[in-house]
Amino acid sequence: MSTPPLLPVTNQQAVQSQPPINTPAFHTFFSRLSTSIRDGLSQRRPLAELVDRSSMARPESLTDALSRIRKNLAYFKVNYVAVIQL
């Protein structure tokens, strides 16, 4: 009967934790990201305005429908992204 193979064991002294990222470049990146997110969220439209059925009407033509879609995407883009993220 042969002996079972040994499992490798890590040496706890060899494993060192990484120091936290604390560079000016990281702080600049995080600051810009935070500002960008805040600016994006400030462009949200009221949900009641998004689902207002009284403002919905059948478009007269395909050109009118495409024009409305483009305008709605530009106006409600932050709301649409938030809904997709759910």
Protein backbone atom coordinates (compact mmCIF):
# COMPACT_ATOMS: atom_id res chain seq x y z
CA MET A 1 0.00 0.00 0.00
CA SER A 2 1.39 3.40 -1.00
CA THR A 3 1.11 6.60 1.00
CA PRO A 4 -1.34 9.26 -0.22
CA PRO A 5 0.15 12.38 -1.83
CA LEU A 6 0.72 15.34 0.44
CA LEU A 7 -1.27 18.48 -0.01
CA PRO A 8 0.76 21.65 -0.54
CA VAL A 9 0.78 23.99 2.43
CA THR A 10 1.40 27.71 2.16
CA ASN A 11 3.80 29.40 4.46
CA GLN A 12 1.93 32.16 6.32
CA GLN A 13 5.05 34.31 6.46
CA ALA A 14 5.39 34.19 2.68
CA VAL A 15 1.86 35.50 2.14
CA GLN A 16 1.89 39.26 2.65
CA SER A 17 -1.15 41.45 2.40
CA GLN A 18 -1.15 44.21 -0.17
CA PRO A 19 -1.03 47.72 1.27
CA PRO A 20 -4.14 49.79 0.48
CA ILE A 21 -3.96 51.93 -2.62
CA ASN A 22 -3.00 55.37 -1.42
CA THR A 23 -1.63 57.27 -4.38
CA PRO A 24 -2.53 60.74 -5.67
CA ALA A 25 -3.54 59.22 -9.02
CA PHE A 26 -6.02 56.90 -7.27
CA HIS A 27 -7.50 59.78 -5.29
CA THR A 28 -7.84 61.86 -8.47
CA PHE A 29 -9.51 58.97 -10.30
CA PHE A 30 -11.90 58.29 -7.41
CA SER A 31 -12.73 61.98 -7.06
CA ARG A 32 -13.51 62.32 -10.77
CA LEU A 33 -15.58 59.13 -10.73
CA SER A 34 -17.55 60.35 -7.73
CA THR A 35 -18.17 63.74 -9.34
CA SER A 36 -19.23 62.11 -12.59
CA ILE A 37 -21.72 59.83 -10.84
CA ARG A 38 -23.12 62.73 -8.80
CA ASP A 39 -23.53 64.85 -11.95
CA GLY A 40 -25.22 61.97 -13.77
CA LEU A 41 -27.65 61.31 -10.95
CA SER A 42 -28.51 65.00 -10.74
CA GLN A 43 -29.97 64.71 -14.26
CA ARG A 44 -32.64 62.23 -13.18
CA ARG A 45 -36.20 63.10 -14.12
CA PRO A 46 -39.18 62.50 -11.84
CA LEU A 47 -40.56 58.98 -12.20
CA ALA A 48 -44.10 60.36 -12.47
CA GLU A 49 -43.00 62.28 -15.56
CA LEU A 50 -41.54 59.14 -17.10
CA VAL A 51 -44.74 57.11 -16.75
CA ASP A 52 -47.27 59.91 -17.32
CA ARG A 53 -49.88 58.26 -19.54
CA SER A 54 -51.57 61.56 -20.43
CA SER A 55 -48.48 62.65 -22.36
CA MET A 56 -48.46 59.47 -24.45
CA ALA A 57 -50.18 59.57 -27.82
CA ARG A 58 -49.89 57.56 -31.01
CA PRO A 59 -47.33 59.13 -33.38
CA GLU A 60 -48.64 60.24 -36.76
CA SER A 61 -45.79 58.70 -38.75
CA LEU A 62 -42.67 56.58 -38.46
CA THR A 63 -40.55 59.74 -38.68
CA ASP A 64 -42.50 61.25 -35.78
CA ALA A 65 -42.08 58.05 -33.75
CA LEU A 66 -38.31 57.97 -34.32
CA SER A 67 -38.02 61.64 -33.41
CA ARG A 68 -39.92 61.03 -30.15
CA ILE A 69 -37.74 58.03 -29.30
CA ARG A 70 -34.57 60.08 -29.80
CA LYS A 71 -35.89 62.94 -27.67
CA ASN A 72 -37.07 60.57 -24.91
CA LEU A 73 -33.76 58.71 -24.83
CA ALA A 74 -31.86 61.97 -24.47
CA TYR A 75 -34.26 63.37 -21.85
CA PHE A 76 -34.73 60.23 -19.73
CA LYS A 77 -31.36 58.51 -20.27
CA VAL A 78 -30.42 58.48 -16.56
CA ASN A 79 -33.84 57.04 -15.66
CA TYR A 80 -33.53 54.32 -18.31
CA VAL A 81 -30.08 53.34 -17.06
CA ALA A 82 -31.39 53.17 -13.49
CA VAL A 83 -34.29 50.94 -14.56
CA ILE A 84 -31.94 48.64 -16.50
CA GLN A 85 -29.63 48.38 -13.46
CA LEU A 86 -32.49 47.02 -11.35
